[in-house]
Amino acid sequence: MPQFESRIDDHIAKAGDFARPILEHFRAAVHRIVPECEEAIKWGMPHFTLAGRNMAGMAAFKKHVSIFFHHDEQAGGTGKFRQIKSVEDLPPVDELEGKIRAAVERLAKPAASPEKAAPKPVPTMPQPFAEALAGSGLVERFEAMPAGYRREYIEWVAEAKTDATRDKRIAQSVEWIGEGKHRNWKYQKC
């Protein structure tokens, strides 16, 4: 049995006179095709979910209604459903039901897990920086830091445009590494 959300009733009731029949028509079509769906308000708009995943939604504006399908191949998932001004503007029943069924089929596929990009390699350490770390006995501590932290220090030192700036950054890096701090430690609690 579908779970009807009273907040969606309120949302429809507050919509313009032209919008209410469109919203009610789409809501009824979704529940007819997918009786097990649930309703929710997400991003301030009525949505239909299936197994906790967003399937479709609708929104009433001053002069039109938009209906959208999540995970749709169309940009934004709306296409001809973007500016509906009356029930007559809705596509034929079989096309509307086809879009709803397609949304269910997309949700039946397992959610694609994003592929992690390969971590950026740690760049080659500038010789003066390597010498400063060795002279202060911090090579092991530096090598024990996560690759991203090492990369931040090395890039910061390597990006210096003058030898004076590079030497100043090396001295600061050696101090912070000695204290066990990563390069952007100041912003850690922002």
Foldseek 3Di string as FASTA:
>chain_A
DEAEDVVVVVQLVPADPQCNVVSVVLVVLLCVLPVHWYWDQDPNWIFIDDPPHTAKTKDGDNAFIAIAGPPDPDVRRTVQRGGHRHNVSDPDSVVSNVSSVVSVVVVVDDDDDDDDDDDDAQDDAPPVLVVLCVVVVLPVLLVPDPSVLNSVLRCCLVPDPDPVSNVVSSVVVSVQSVVVHGPPNVPPPD
